[in-house]
Amino acid sequence: MSVSRKTLLSLVVASGLLAGAVAHAEDLAALEAAAREEGMLTTIALPHDWCGYGGVIEGFKTKYPWITVNELNPDAGSADELE
């Protein structure tokens, strides 16, 4: 049985994509485990009414209820972030 170059190339690319997806899933699992251990996400200068940050933060709280979101001065500007 012979395999064409096109088929072989397709299999190589597909296996590479699959390996990347598995590695990505492992990275996310490790990140989630570390977040569970730490238990807190601290943010600064993410106003709820700007760029959809409010929805993102609420979505995060819903998806990861075991992580406390510590919002430091949500209405701060970039200069405040540097202090």
PDB file of N, CA and C in Angstrom:
ATOM      1  N   MET A   1       0.839  -1.175   0.000  1.00  0.00           N
ATOM      2  CA  MET A   1       0.000   0.000   0.000  1.00  0.00           C
ATOM      3  C   MET A   1       0.882   1.236   0.000  1.00  0.00           C
ATOM      4  N   SER A   2       0.676   2.101  -0.949  1.00  0.00           N
ATOM      5  CA  SER A   2       1.471   3.327  -0.999  1.00  0.00           C
ATOM      6  C   SER A   2       0.642   4.509  -0.503  1.00  0.00           C
ATOM      7  N   VAL A   3       1.331   5.435   0.106  1.00  0.00           N
ATOM      8  CA  VAL A   3       0.679   6.633   0.639  1.00  0.00           C
ATOM      9  C   VAL A   3       1.212   7.824  -0.139  1.00  0.00           C
ATOM     10  N   SER A   4       0.312   8.652  -0.607  1.00  0.00           N
ATOM     11  CA  SER A   4       0.749   9.817  -1.373  1.00  0.00           C
ATOM     12  C   SER A   4       1.393  10.842  -0.441  1.00  0.00           C
ATOM     13  N   ARG A   5       2.189  11.708  -1.018  1.00  0.00           N
ATOM     14  CA  ARG A   5       2.826  12.774  -0.235  1.00  0.00           C
ATOM     15  C   ARG A   5       1.775  13.661   0.425  1.00  0.00           C
ATOM     16  N   LYS A   6       0.712  13.926  -0.312  1.00  0.00           N
ATOM     17  CA  LYS A   6      -0.354  14.783   0.213  1.00  0.00           C
ATOM     18  C   LYS A   6      -0.991  14.147   1.452  1.00  0.00           C
ATOM     19  N   THR A   7      -1.260  12.854   1.390  1.00  0.00           N
ATOM     20  CA  THR A   7      -1.853  12.154   2.527  1.00  0.00           C
ATOM     21  C   THR A   7      -0.884  12.135   3.702  1.00  0.00           C
ATOM     22  N   LEU A   8       0.375  11.856   3.423  1.00  0.00           N
ATOM     23  CA  LEU A   8       1.382  11.824   4.472  1.00  0.00           C
ATOM     24  C   LEU A   8       1.522  13.196   5.125  1.00  0.00           C
ATOM     25  N   LEU A   9       1.584  14.235   4.318  1.00  0.00           N
ATOM     26  CA  LEU A   9       1.687  15.592   4.848  1.00  0.00           C
ATOM     27  C   LEU A   9       0.464  15.940   5.690  1.00  0.00           C
ATOM     28  N   SER A  10      -0.704  15.549   5.224  1.00  0.00           N
ATOM     29  CA  SER A  10      -1.938  15.799   5.982  1.00  0.00           C
ATOM     30  C   SER A  10      -1.901  15.107   7.339  1.00  0.00           C
ATOM     31  N   LEU A  11      -1.414  13.871   7.370  1.00  0.00           N
ATOM     32  CA  LEU A  11      -1.314  13.136   8.632  1.00  0.00           C
ATOM     33  C   LEU A  11      -0.305  13.777   9.585  1.00  0.00           C
ATOM     34  N   VAL A  12       0.809  14.235   9.046  1.00  0.00           N
ATOM     35  CA  VAL A  12       1.822  14.892   9.876  1.00  0.00           C
ATOM     36  C   VAL A  12       1.262  16.176  10.479  1.00  0.00           C
ATOM     37  N   VAL A  13       0.595  16.981   9.660  1.00  0.00           N
ATOM     38  CA  VAL A  13       0.004  18.234  10.147  1.00  0.00           C
ATOM     39  C   VAL A  13      -1.071  17.946  11.192  1.00  0.00           C
ATOM     40  N   ALA A  14      -1.929  16.980  10.923  1.00  0.00           N
ATOM     41  CA  ALA A  14      -3.002  16.641  11.862  1.00  0.00           C
ATOM     42  C   ALA A  14      -2.438  16.162  13.196  1.00  0.00           C
ATOM     43  N   SER A  15      -1.393  15.343  13.154  1.00  0.00           N
ATOM     44  CA  SER A  15      -0.812  14.855  14.408  1.00  0.00           C
ATOM     45  C   SER A  15      -0.150  15.995  15.175  1.00  0.00           C
ATOM     46  N   GLY A  16       0.440  16.937  14.459  1.00  0.00           N
ATOM     47  CA  GLY A  16       1.024  18.107  15.117  1.00  0.00           C
ATOM     48  C   GLY A  16      -0.031  18.963  15.785  1.00  0.00           C
ATOM     49  N   LEU A  17      -1.153  19.159  15.105  1.00  0.00           N
ATOM     50  CA  LEU A  17      -2.248  19.935  15.687  1.00  0.00           C
ATOM     51  C   LEU A  17      -2.823  19.237  16.910  1.00  0.00           C
ATOM     52  N   LEU A  18      -2.969  17.940  16.825  1.00  0.00           N
ATOM     53  CA  LEU A  18      -3.498  17.174  17.955  1.00  0.00           C
ATOM     54  C   LEU A  18      -2.552  17.253  19.150  1.00  0.00           C
ATOM     55  N   ALA A  19      -1.265  17.132  18.906  1.00  0.00           N
ATOM     56  CA  ALA A  19      -0.288  17.228  19.996  1.00  0.00           C
ATOM     57  C   ALA A  19      -0.343  18.609  20.632  1.00  0.00           C
ATOM     58  N   GLY A  20      -0.497  19.642  19.817  1.00  0.00           N
ATOM     59  CA  GLY A  20      -0.611  21.000  20.346  1.00  0.00           C
ATOM     60  C   GLY A  20      -1.853  21.178  21.188  1.00  0.00           C
ATOM     61  N   ALA A  21      -2.958  20.592  20.761  1.00  0.00           N
ATOM     62  CA  ALA A  21      -4.212  20.697  21.516  1.00  0.00           C
ATOM     63  C   ALA A  21      -4.093  19.988  22.857  1.00  0.00           C
ATOM     64  N   VAL A  22      -3.445  18.841  22.873  1.00  0.00           N
ATOM     65  CA  VAL A  22      -3.257  18.105  24.125  1.00  0.00           C
ATOM     66  C   VAL A  22      -2.359  18.907  25.066  1.00  0.00           C
ATOM     67  N   ALA A  23      -1.275  19.467  24.543  1.00  0.00           N
ATOM     68  CA  ALA A  23      -0.375  20.271  25.371  1.00  0.00           C
ATOM     69  C   ALA A  23      -1.100  21.493  25.913  1.00  0.00           C
ATOM     70  N   HIS A  24      -1.933  22.116  25.083  1.00  0.00           N
ATOM     71  CA  HIS A  24      -2.702  23.284  25.521  1.00  0.00           C
ATOM     72  C   HIS A  24      -3.651  22.901  26.645  1.00  0.00           C
ATOM     73  N   ALA A  25      -4.318  21.782  26.521  1.00  0.00           N
ATOM     74  CA  ALA A  25      -5.243  21.320  27.560  1.00  0.00           C
ATOM     75  C   ALA A  25      -4.488  21.039  28.855  1.00  0.00           C
ATOM     76  N   GLU A  26      -3.297  20.459  28.746  1.00  0.00           N
ATOM     77  CA  GLU A  26      -2.491  20.194  29.938  1.00  0.00           C
ATOM     78  C   GLU A  26      -2.053  21.499  30.585  1.00  0.00           C
ATOM     79  N   ASP A  27      -1.680  22.502  29.762  1.00  0.00           N
ATOM     80  CA  ASP A  27      -1.293  23.805  30.294  1.00  0.00           C
ATOM     81  C   ASP A  27      -2.457  24.445  31.037  1.00  0.00           C
ATOM     82  N   LEU A  28      -3.655  24.366  30.469  1.00  0.00           N
ATOM     83  CA  LEU A  28      -4.829  24.939  31.122  1.00  0.00           C
ATOM     84  C   LEU A  28      -5.150  24.210  32.418  1.00  0.00           C
ATOM     85  N   ALA A  29      -4.992  22.903  32.425  1.00  0.00           N
ATOM     86  CA  ALA A  29      -5.243  22.130  33.642  1.00  0.00           C
ATOM     87  C   ALA A  29      -4.249  22.525  34.731  1.00  0.00           C
ATOM     88  N   ALA A  30      -2.993  22.712  34.363  1.00  0.00           N
ATOM     89  CA  ALA A  30      -1.974  23.125  35.334  1.00  0.00           C
ATOM     90  C   ALA A  30      -2.256  24.532  35.842  1.00  0.00           C
ATOM     91  N   LEU A  31      -2.670  25.411  34.941  1.00  0.00           N
ATOM     92  CA  LEU A  31      -3.005  26.781  35.333  1.00  0.00           C
ATOM     93  C   LEU A  31      -4.191  26.793  36.288  1.00  0.00           C
ATOM     94  N   GLU A  32      -5.211  26.006  35.986  1.00  0.00           N
ATOM     95  CA  GLU A  32      -6.391  25.945  36.855  1.00  0.00           C
ATOM     96  C   GLU A  32      -6.026  25.364  38.222  1.00  0.00           C
ATOM     97  N   ALA A  33      -5.176  24.358  38.256  1.00  0.00           N
ATOM     98  CA  ALA A  33      -4.753  23.773  39.536  1.00  0.00           C
ATOM     99  C   ALA A  33      -3.987  24.796  40.371  1.00  0.00           C
ATOM    100  N   ALA A  34      -3.119  25.560  39.736  1.00  0.00           N
ATOM    101  CA  ALA A  34      -2.369  26.596  40.457  1.00  0.00           C
ATOM    102  C   ALA A  34      -3.306  27.684  40.965  1.00  0.00           C
ATOM    103  N   ALA A  35      -4.308  28.036  40.161  1.00  0.00           N
ATOM    104  CA  ALA A  35      -5.283  29.050  40.575  1.00  0.00           C
ATOM    105  C   ALA A  35      -6.107  28.558  41.757  1.00  0.00           C
ATOM    106  N   ARG A  36      -6.473  27.296  41.743  1.00  0.00           N
ATOM    107  CA  ARG A  36      -7.218  26.722  42.883  1.00  0.00           C
ATOM    108  C   ARG A  36      -6.380  26.830  44.154  1.00  0.00           C
ATOM    109  N   GLU A  37      -5.095  26.538  44.032  1.00  0.00           N
ATOM    110  CA  GLU A  37      -4.211  26.583  45.193  1.00  0.00           C
ATOM    111  C   GLU A  37      -4.045  28.015  45.702  1.00  0.00           C
ATOM    112  N   GLU A  38      -3.866  28.953  44.786  1.00  0.00           N
ATOM    113  CA  GLU A  38      -3.681  30.347  45.186  1.00  0.00           C
ATOM    114  C   GLU A  38      -4.986  30.950  45.692  1.00  0.00           C
ATOM    115  N   GLY A  39      -6.080  30.707  44.981  1.00  0.00           N
ATOM    116  CA  GLY A  39      -7.401  31.111  45.451  1.00  0.00           C
ATOM    117  C   GLY A  39      -7.796  32.550  45.241  1.00  0.00           C
ATOM    118  N   MET A  40      -6.960  33.361  44.583  1.00  0.00           N
ATOM    119  CA  MET A  40      -7.314  34.762  44.411  1.00  0.00           C
ATOM    120  C   MET A  40      -6.741  35.325  43.114  1.00  0.00           C
ATOM    121  N   LEU A  41      -7.536  36.178  42.472  1.00  0.00           N
ATOM    122  CA  LEU A  41      -7.099  36.944  41.311  1.00  0.00           C
ATOM    123  C   LEU A  41      -7.221  38.411  41.694  1.00  0.00           C
ATOM    124  N   THR A  42      -6.145  39.158  41.581  1.00  0.00           N
ATOM    125  CA  THR A  42      -6.178  40.582  41.892  1.00  0.00           C
ATOM    126  C   THR A  42      -6.083  41.371  40.596  1.00  0.00           C
ATOM    127  N   THR A  43      -7.006  42.314  40.432  1.00  0.00           N
ATOM    128  CA  THR A  43      -7.013  43.181  39.257  1.00  0.00           C
ATOM    129  C   THR A  43      -6.959  44.632  39.715  1.00  0.00           C
ATOM    130  N   ILE A  44      -6.558  45.512  38.816  1.00  0.00           N
ATOM    131  CA  ILE A  44      -6.582  46.947  39.078  1.00  0.00           C
ATOM    132  C   ILE A  44      -6.931  47.655  37.776  1.00  0.00           C
ATOM    133  N   ALA A  45      -7.705  48.702  37.908  1.00  0.00           N
ATOM    134  CA  ALA A  45      -8.047  49.577  36.780  1.00  0.00           C
ATOM    135  C   ALA A  45      -8.819  48.847  35.680  1.00  0.00           C
ATOM    136  N   LEU A  46      -9.809  48.051  36.070  1.00  0.00           N
ATOM    137  CA  LEU A  46     -10.688  47.402  35.101  1.00  0.00           C
ATOM    138  C   LEU A  46     -12.120  47.860  35.373  1.00  0.00           C
ATOM    139  N   PRO A  47     -12.487  49.064  34.899  1.00  0.00           N
ATOM    140  CA  PRO A  47     -13.837  49.572  35.153  1.00  0.00           C
ATOM    141  C   PRO A  47     -14.897  48.676  34.522  1.00  0.00           C
ATOM    142  N   HIS A  48     -15.927  48.377  35.271  1.00  0.00           N
ATOM    143  CA  HIS A  48     -16.972  47.456  34.809  1.00  0.00           C
ATOM    144  C   HIS A  48     -17.720  47.973  33.588  1.00  0.00           C
ATOM    145  N   ASP A  49     -17.748  49.276  33.400  1.00  0.00           N
ATOM    146  CA  ASP A  49     -18.515  49.835  32.283  1.00  0.00           C
ATOM    147  C   ASP A  49     -17.638  50.168  31.072  1.00  0.00           C
ATOM    148  N   TRP A  50     -16.424  49.662  31.026  1.00  0.00           N
ATOM    149  CA  TRP A  50     -15.524  49.970  29.920  1.00  0.00           C
ATOM    150  C   TRP A  50     -15.011  48.681  29.293  1.00  0.00           C
ATOM    151  N   CYS A  51     -15.076  48.573  28.011  1.00  0.00           N
ATOM    152  CA  CYS A  51     -14.551  47.429  27.238  1.00  0.00           C
ATOM    153  C   CYS A  51     -15.132  46.080  27.659  1.00  0.00           C
ATOM    154  N   GLY A  52     -16.275  46.095  28.310  1.00  0.00           N
ATOM    155  CA  GLY A  52     -16.898  44.841  28.709  1.00  0.00           C
ATOM    156  C   GLY A  52     -16.243  44.157  29.896  1.00  0.00           C
ATOM    157  N   TYR A  53     -15.395  44.886  30.628  1.00  0.00           N
ATOM    158  CA  TYR A  53     -14.701  44.268  31.763  1.00  0.00           C
ATOM    159  C   TYR A  53     -15.663  43.740  32.814  1.00  0.00           C
ATOM    160  N   GLY A  54     -16.771  44.443  33.040  1.00  0.00           N
ATOM    161  CA  GLY A  54     -17.743  43.982  34.035  1.00  0.00           C
ATOM    162  C   GLY A  54     -18.250  42.589  33.709  1.00  0.00           C
ATOM    163  N   GLY A  55     -18.615  42.375  32.450  1.00  0.00           N
ATOM    164  CA  GLY A  55     -19.092  41.061  32.021  1.00  0.00           C
ATOM    165  C   GLY A  55     -18.016  39.995  32.102  1.00  0.00           C
ATOM    166  N   VAL A  56     -16.796  40.372  31.759  1.00  0.00           N
ATOM    167  CA  VAL A  56     -15.684  39.420  31.820  1.00  0.00           C
ATOM    168  C   VAL A  56     -15.435  38.996  33.267  1.00  0.00           C
ATOM    169  N   ILE A  57     -15.425  39.967  34.169  1.00  0.00           N
ATOM    170  CA  ILE A  57     -15.178  39.655  35.579  1.00  0.00           C
ATOM    171  C   ILE A  57     -16.306  38.800  36.149  1.00  0.00           C
ATOM    172  N   GLU A  58     -17.542  39.146  35.833  1.00  0.00           N
ATOM    173  CA  GLU A  58     -18.674  38.349  36.327  1.00  0.00           C
ATOM    174  C   GLU A  58     -18.645  36.939  35.737  1.00  0.00           C
ATOM    175  N   GLY A  59     -18.289  36.826  34.459  1.00  0.00           N
ATOM    176  CA  GLY A  59     -18.161  35.509  33.834  1.00  0.00           C
ATOM    177  C   GLY A  59     -17.070  34.676  34.492  1.00  0.00           C
ATOM    178  N   PHE A  60     -15.962  35.334  34.834  1.00  0.00           N
ATOM    179  CA  PHE A  60     -14.866  34.649  35.523  1.00  0.00           C
ATOM    180  C   PHE A  60     -15.333  34.136  36.878  1.00  0.00           C
ATOM    181  N   LYS A  61     -16.052  34.991  37.620  1.00  0.00           N
ATOM    182  CA  LYS A  61     -16.552  34.595  38.946  1.00  0.00           C
ATOM    183  C   LYS A  61     -17.510  33.408  38.844  1.00  0.00           C
ATOM    184  N   THR A  62     -18.316  33.388  37.785  1.00  0.00           N
ATOM    185  CA  THR A  62     -19.262  32.289  37.586  1.00  0.00           C
ATOM    186  C   THR A  62     -18.528  30.995  37.230  1.00  0.00           C
ATOM    187  N   LYS A  63     -17.540  31.110  36.353  1.00  0.00           N
ATOM    188  CA  LYS A  63     -16.817  29.919  35.900  1.00  0.00           C
ATOM    189  C   LYS A  63     -15.879  29.366  36.975  1.00  0.00           C
ATOM    190  N   TYR A  64     -15.305  30.263  37.778  1.00  0.00           N
ATOM    191  CA  TYR A  64     -14.337  29.859  38.802  1.00  0.00           C
ATOM    192  C   TYR A  64     -14.767  30.393  40.173  1.00  0.00           C
ATOM    193  N   PRO A  65     -15.853  29.852  40.740  1.00  0.00           N
ATOM    194  CA  PRO A  65     -16.374  30.392  42.004  1.00  0.00           C
ATOM    195  C   PRO A  65     -15.428  30.199  43.191  1.00  0.00           C
ATOM    196  N   TRP A  66     -14.468  29.331  43.086  1.00  0.00           N
ATOM    197  CA  TRP A  66     -13.522  29.086  44.171  1.00  0.00           C
ATOM    198  C   TRP A  66     -12.381  30.100  44.182  1.00  0.00           C
ATOM    199  N   ILE A  67     -12.339  30.990  43.192  1.00  0.00           N
ATOM    200  CA  ILE A  67     -11.305  32.023  43.145  1.00  0.00           C
ATOM    201  C   ILE A  67     -11.934  33.359  43.522  1.00  0.00           C
ATOM    202  N   THR A  68     -11.404  33.990  44.551  1.00  0.00           N
ATOM    203  CA  THR A  68     -11.869  35.308  44.962  1.00  0.00           C
ATOM    204  C   THR A  68     -11.270  36.346  44.028  1.00  0.00           C
ATOM    205  N   VAL A  69     -12.101  37.237  43.509  1.00  0.00           N
ATOM    206  CA  VAL A  69     -11.613  38.322  42.662  1.00  0.00           C
ATOM    207  C   VAL A  69     -11.458  39.557  43.542  1.00  0.00           C
ATOM    208  N   ASN A  70     -10.234  40.000  43.697  1.00  0.00           N
ATOM    209  CA  ASN A  70      -9.889  41.161  44.507  1.00  0.00           C
ATOM    210  C   ASN A  70      -9.681  42.340  43.557  1.00  0.00           C
ATOM    211  N   GLU A  71     -10.678  43.203  43.457  1.00  0.00           N
ATOM    212  CA  GLU A  71     -10.608  44.332  42.527  1.00  0.00           C
ATOM    213  C   GLU A  71     -10.065  45.560  43.244  1.00  0.00           C
ATOM    214  N   LEU A  72      -8.846  45.936  42.910  1.00  0.00           N
ATOM    215  CA  LEU A  72      -8.234  47.128  43.475  1.00  0.00           C
ATOM    216  C   LEU A  72      -8.554  48.322  42.583  1.00  0.00           C
ATOM    217  N   ASN A  73      -9.277  49.262  43.094  1.00  0.00           N
ATOM    218  CA  ASN A  73      -9.583  50.517  42.411  1.00  0.00           C
ATOM    219  C   ASN A  73      -9.957  50.313  40.941  1.00  0.00           C
ATOM    220  N   PRO A  74     -11.133  49.765  40.686  1.00  0.00           N
ATOM    221  CA  PRO A  74     -11.545  49.490  39.310  1.00  0.00           C
ATOM    222  C   PRO A  74     -11.559  50.727  38.409  1.00  0.00           C
ATOM    223  N   ASP A  75     -11.745  51.904  38.986  1.00  0.00           N
ATOM    224  CA  ASP A  75     -11.822  53.122  38.176  1.00  0.00           C
ATOM    225  C   ASP A  75     -10.489  53.853  38.060  1.00  0.00           C
ATOM    226  N   ALA A  76      -9.410  53.219  38.459  1.00  0.00           N
ATOM    227  CA  ALA A  76      -8.088  53.838  38.384  1.00  0.00           C
ATOM    228  C   ALA A  76      -7.648  53.989  36.931  1.00  0.00           C
ATOM    229  N   GLY A  77      -6.741  54.906  36.713  1.00  0.00           N
ATOM    230  CA  GLY A  77      -6.145  55.091  35.392  1.00  0.00           C
ATOM    231  C   GLY A  77      -4.803  54.387  35.323  1.00  0.00           C
ATOM    232  N   SER A  78      -4.175  54.444  34.170  1.00  0.00           N
ATOM    233  CA  SER A  78      -2.900  53.744  33.998  1.00  0.00           C
ATOM    234  C   SER A  78      -1.816  54.317  34.906  1.00  0.00           C
ATOM    235  N   ALA A  79      -1.869  55.606  35.214  1.00  0.00           N
ATOM    236  CA  ALA A  79      -0.880  56.189  36.125  1.00  0.00           C
ATOM    237  C   ALA A  79      -1.013  55.582  37.519  1.00  0.00           C
ATOM    238  N   ASP A  80      -2.252  55.304  37.936  1.00  0.00           N
ATOM    239  CA  ASP A  80      -2.477  54.689  39.247  1.00  0.00           C
ATOM    240  C   ASP A  80      -1.924  53.268  39.296  1.00  0.00           C
ATOM    241  N   GLU A  81      -1.942  52.583  38.178  1.00  0.00           N
ATOM    242  CA  GLU A  81      -1.444  51.210  38.139  1.00  0.00           C
ATOM    243  C   GLU A  81       0.047  51.151  38.439  1.00  0.00           C
ATOM    244  N   LEU A  82       0.760  52.208  38.086  1.00  0.00           N
ATOM    245  CA  LEU A  82       2.209  52.224  38.251  1.00  0.00           C
ATOM    246  C   LEU A  82       2.643  52.537  39.677  1.00  0.00           C
ATOM    247  N   GLU A  83       1.737  53.075  40.482  1.00  0.00           N
ATOM    248  CA  GLU A  83       2.095  53.431  41.861  1.00  0.00           C
ATOM    249  C   GLU A  83       2.249  52.223  42.734  1.00  0.00           C
TER     250      GLU A  83
END
